[in-house]
Amino acid sequence: MSEWKQKRFWTTVATKEGAEGWTIELDGRAVRTPAKVALLLPTSALAQAVAIEWDAQEGEIDPLSMPFTRSANAAIDKVAIQHGEVADMLAGYGDADLLCYRAGSPTELVERQSAAWDPYLDWAAEALGARLHPRIGVIHESQDAEALNRLSERVHAMSNFELAAFHDLVSLSGSLILGFAAAQDLNPAPEIWAASRVDEIWQEEQWGADEEAQSVAEIKKASFLHAKSFFDAARTP
């Protein structure tokens, strides 16, 4: 027996501003999250993005075609009830940041990592007040506690919606610094994503591309770019 799938039951989709935020209405009825909580959105831009996804549904509803809706649900149903824990987890990336673990050889890879990653570490030291230092090899060495605390404070200051997006910016790239760089528009998001892929691209050049790995990488890139769009929409009036 095939699994039952919900079909489009509404004719009109509209956004509505209220005292606590924006809602999405289907034929005048407000959308709720999977946890049956009101889908309240912080900005008109985010509400419009979610509404477009609902209006685009034809026949059976396809949640995979609704990334803004899914991210908003995560912000409300998951992040909102454990904001501190999520922020702590993401801040923890700073003590083992991708940008700080460098190869000792070959020279070309060493130089490529330095060229791609040093500017981000320099930017973090200046813009975020947190200097993280590179290490050779993969053995963990703790970073400066004061620098980590400053980064952690910035993470904890994010709203639930910002943090939901920031989670993907950091976890997909493996770097707290690249997550901040994307959030603060240091460089275009595709360029920041490419910086997170320096090691993988090097390996492909040496041993050839793996189709399955490339497919996974493209999915992750799309998710990273969506997270950036969601972060921006959550901050745009």
Protein backbone atom coordinates (compact mmCIF):
# COMPACT_ATOMS: atom_id res chain seq x y z
CA MET A 1 0.00 0.00 0.00
CA SER A 2 1.43 3.41 -0.95
CA GLU A 3 1.95 6.00 1.77
CA TRP A 4 -0.82 8.60 1.98
CA LYS A 5 0.31 12.08 1.06
CA GLN A 6 -1.51 15.28 1.82
CA LYS A 7 -2.80 17.16 -1.21
CA ARG A 8 -3.30 20.86 -1.76
CA PHE A 9 -6.60 21.80 -0.17
CA TRP A 10 -6.43 25.59 -0.41
CA THR A 11 -7.09 28.11 -3.14
CA THR A 12 -5.46 31.29 -1.87
CA VAL A 13 -2.23 31.99 0.04
CA ALA A 14 -1.71 35.27 1.86
CA THR A 15 0.62 36.84 4.39
CA LYS A 16 -0.75 38.76 7.35
CA GLU A 17 1.07 40.99 9.80
CA GLY A 18 0.08 40.83 13.46
CA ALA A 19 1.35 42.10 16.79
CA GLU A 20 3.68 39.11 17.22
CA GLY A 21 4.86 38.72 13.64
CA TRP A 22 3.79 37.55 10.21
CA THR A 23 1.56 34.56 9.52
CA ILE A 24 0.79 32.56 6.39
CA GLU A 25 -2.90 32.03 5.71
CA LEU A 26 -4.39 29.35 3.46
CA ASP A 27 -7.91 30.41 2.55
CA GLY A 28 -7.86 32.59 5.66
CA ARG A 29 -6.60 29.88 8.03
CA ALA A 30 -3.18 30.37 9.63
CA VAL A 31 -0.51 27.74 8.96
CA ARG A 32 0.92 25.91 11.96
CA THR A 33 4.19 24.03 12.41
CA PRO A 34 4.45 20.22 12.65
CA ALA A 35 4.38 20.68 16.44
CA LYS A 36 1.05 22.49 16.04
CA VAL A 37 2.54 25.86 17.01
CA ALA A 38 1.60 29.03 15.18
CA LEU A 39 3.97 29.67 12.26
CA LEU A 40 4.94 33.21 13.30
CA LEU A 41 7.65 34.78 11.15
CA PRO A 42 9.77 37.79 12.13
CA THR A 43 9.88 39.66 8.80
CA SER A 44 7.82 40.37 5.72
CA ALA A 45 10.66 39.07 3.54
CA LEU A 46 10.62 35.68 5.25
CA ALA A 47 6.84 35.51 5.19
CA GLN A 48 6.85 36.19 1.45
CA ALA A 49 9.43 33.44 0.85
CA VAL A 50 7.36 30.92 2.80
CA ALA A 51 4.12 32.00 1.12
CA ILE A 52 5.63 31.52 -2.34
CA GLU A 53 6.48 27.91 -1.43
CA TRP A 54 2.92 27.16 -0.30
CA ASP A 55 1.45 28.81 -3.37
CA ALA A 56 3.72 26.78 -5.65
CA GLN A 57 2.37 23.44 -4.41
CA GLU A 58 0.29 21.54 -6.94
CA GLY A 59 -1.42 18.24 -6.28
CA GLU A 60 0.51 16.44 -3.53
CA ILE A 61 2.41 18.62 -1.08
CA ASP A 62 6.16 18.13 -1.38
CA PRO A 63 7.98 19.29 1.80
CA LEU A 64 11.34 18.93 0.04
CA SER A 65 10.33 21.75 -2.30
CA MET A 66 9.70 24.06 0.69
CA PRO A 67 13.11 24.84 2.27
CA PHE A 68 12.06 28.18 3.77
CA THR A 69 9.05 26.54 5.42
CA ARG A 70 11.17 23.70 6.77
CA SER A 71 13.78 26.10 8.16
CA ALA A 72 11.08 28.22 9.78
CA ASN A 73 9.58 25.11 11.37
CA ALA A 74 13.01 24.18 12.72
CA ALA A 75 13.47 27.66 14.20
CA ILE A 76 10.15 27.44 16.02
CA ASP A 77 9.84 23.75 16.93
CA LYS A 78 13.51 23.02 17.68
CA VAL A 79 15.77 26.04 18.13
CA ALA A 80 13.29 28.08 20.17
CA ILE A 81 13.07 25.42 22.87
CA GLN A 82 16.83 24.80 23.10
CA HIS A 83 18.42 28.04 21.94
CA GLY A 84 21.22 27.92 24.50
CA GLU A 85 22.19 24.34 23.68
CA VAL A 86 22.24 25.01 19.94
CA ALA A 87 24.30 28.17 20.43
CA ASP A 88 26.78 26.32 22.64
CA MET A 89 27.15 23.56 20.07
CA LEU A 90 27.83 25.99 17.24
CA ALA A 91 30.18 28.14 19.29
CA GLY A 92 32.14 24.97 20.00
CA TYR A 93 33.20 24.85 16.36
CA GLY A 94 35.50 27.77 17.10
CA ASP A 95 37.83 25.61 19.15
CA ALA A 96 38.24 23.13 16.29
CA ASP A 97 37.61 25.37 13.30
CA LEU A 98 38.30 23.96 9.85
CA LEU A 99 40.42 27.00 8.98
CA CYS A 100 42.86 26.28 11.79
CA TYR A 101 43.84 22.71 10.88
CA ARG A 102 46.51 22.85 8.20
CA ALA A 103 48.57 20.38 6.23
CA GLY A 104 52.32 20.26 6.76
CA SER A 105 52.87 19.18 3.15
CA PRO A 106 52.85 19.18 0.17
CA THR A 107 53.89 22.78 -0.35
CA GLU A 108 51.17 23.51 -2.91
CA LEU A 109 48.40 22.44 -0.53
CA VAL A 110 49.97 24.37 2.34
CA GLU A 111 50.07 27.49 0.20
CA ARG A 112 46.53 26.96 -1.06
CA GLN A 113 45.13 26.62 2.46
CA SER A 114 47.00 29.70 3.60
CA ALA A 115 45.81 31.78 0.65
CA ALA A 116 42.19 30.71 1.10
CA TRP A 117 41.92 30.68 4.88
CA ASP A 118 44.31 33.27 6.34
CA PRO A 119 42.21 36.23 5.12
CA TYR A 120 39.18 34.87 6.99
CA LEU A 121 41.14 34.45 10.20
CA ASP A 122 42.55 37.97 9.83
CA TRP A 123 39.04 39.31 9.25
CA ALA A 124 37.74 37.54 12.37
CA ALA A 125 40.52 39.03 14.45
CA GLU A 126 39.64 42.52 13.23
CA ALA A 127 35.85 42.41 12.83
CA LEU A 128 34.91 39.91 15.54
CA GLY A 129 37.71 40.62 18.01
CA ALA A 130 38.70 36.95 17.99
CA ARG A 131 42.07 35.76 16.74
CA LEU A 132 42.17 32.02 16.06
CA HIS A 133 45.54 30.44 15.31
CA PRO A 134 46.35 27.73 12.74
CA ARG A 135 47.85 24.37 13.78
CA ILE A 136 49.69 21.83 11.72
CA GLY A 137 48.03 18.41 11.72
CA VAL A 138 44.76 17.17 13.14
CA ILE A 139 45.58 16.88 16.85
CA HIS A 140 43.40 19.29 18.82
CA GLU A 141 44.98 22.31 20.48
CA SER A 142 42.70 24.69 22.35
CA GLN A 143 42.29 28.22 21.08
CA ASP A 144 42.47 31.34 23.25
CA ALA A 145 39.58 31.26 25.73
CA GLU A 146 38.87 34.99 25.48
CA ALA A 147 38.58 34.79 21.70
CA LEU A 148 36.21 31.83 21.97
CA ASN A 149 34.07 33.64 24.53
CA ARG A 150 33.70 36.62 22.22
CA LEU A 151 32.57 34.39 19.40
CA SER A 152 30.20 32.53 21.69
CA GLU A 153 28.56 35.76 22.82
CA ARG A 154 27.83 36.65 19.21
CA VAL A 155 26.28 33.26 18.55
CA HIS A 156 24.10 33.42 21.66
CA ALA A 157 22.87 36.90 20.66
CA MET A 158 21.23 35.55 17.50
CA SER A 159 17.48 35.16 17.24
CA ASN A 160 15.90 31.73 16.87
CA PHE A 161 15.51 32.23 13.13
CA GLU A 162 19.05 33.51 12.65
CA LEU A 163 20.41 30.64 14.69
CA ALA A 164 18.48 28.05 12.65
CA ALA A 165 20.19 29.34 9.51
CA PHE A 166 23.54 29.83 11.21
CA HIS A 167 23.46 26.19 12.26
CA ASP A 168 23.68 25.12 8.62
CA LEU A 169 26.20 27.80 7.66
CA VAL A 170 28.56 26.48 10.34
CA SER A 171 27.88 22.74 10.32
CA LEU A 172 27.97 22.40 6.53
CA SER A 173 31.20 24.40 6.15
CA GLY A 174 32.81 23.00 9.30
CA SER A 175 33.84 26.50 10.29
CA LEU A 176 32.45 28.99 12.78
CA ILE A 177 34.47 31.74 11.10
CA LEU A 178 33.11 30.96 7.65
CA GLY A 179 29.63 30.94 9.16
CA PHE A 180 30.16 34.45 10.49
CA ALA A 181 31.71 35.53 7.19
CA ALA A 182 28.60 34.40 5.33
CA ALA A 183 26.23 35.95 7.87
CA GLN A 184 28.04 39.29 7.68
CA ASP A 185 28.43 39.35 3.89
CA LEU A 186 32.22 39.35 3.88
CA ASN A 187 32.22 37.60 0.49
CA PRO A 188 29.55 36.09 -1.78
CA ALA A 189 28.16 32.88 -0.32
CA PRO A 190 29.42 30.66 -3.19
CA GLU A 191 32.94 31.99 -2.62
CA ILE A 192 32.75 31.26 1.10
CA TRP A 193 31.48 27.76 0.36
CA ALA A 194 34.41 27.21 -2.01
CA ALA A 195 36.78 28.17 0.79
CA SER A 196 35.36 25.33 2.90
CA ARG A 197 36.14 22.89 0.09
CA VAL A 198 39.86 23.54 -0.34
CA ASP A 199 40.92 20.11 0.93
CA GLU A 200 38.27 18.22 -1.03
CA ILE A 201 39.12 20.04 -4.25
CA TRP A 202 42.79 19.24 -3.72
CA GLN A 203 41.99 15.56 -3.28
CA GLU A 204 39.90 15.56 -6.45
CA GLU A 205 42.77 17.08 -8.39
CA GLN A 206 45.15 14.40 -7.15
CA TRP A 207 42.97 11.31 -7.39
CA GLY A 208 40.10 12.24 -9.65
CA ALA A 209 36.53 13.17 -8.93
CA ASP A 210 34.09 10.74 -7.33
CA GLU A 211 30.58 11.15 -8.74
CA GLU A 212 28.83 10.22 -5.52
CA ALA A 213 30.99 12.59 -3.47
CA GLN A 214 30.38 15.38 -5.97
CA SER A 215 26.64 14.80 -5.79
CA VAL A 216 26.70 15.02 -2.00
CA ALA A 217 28.82 18.17 -2.20
CA GLU A 218 26.31 19.82 -4.53
CA ILE A 219 23.47 19.03 -2.14
CA LYS A 220 25.45 20.53 0.73
CA LYS A 221 26.28 23.61 -1.32
CA ALA A 222 22.61 24.15 -2.13
CA SER A 223 21.76 23.83 1.57
CA PHE A 224 24.51 26.30 2.48
CA LEU A 225 23.25 28.85 -0.05
CA HIS A 226 19.68 28.38 1.20
CA ALA A 227 20.84 28.92 4.79
CA LYS A 228 22.40 32.22 3.74
CA SER A 229 19.16 33.28 2.01
CA PHE A 230 17.11 32.28 5.06
CA PHE A 231 19.47 34.17 7.40
CA ASP A 232 19.14 37.30 5.27
CA ALA A 233 15.35 37.01 5.04
CA ALA A 234 15.11 36.64 8.81
CA ARG A 235 16.86 39.99 9.20
CA THR A 236 15.25 41.92 6.34
CA PRO A 237 12.15 43.96 7.32
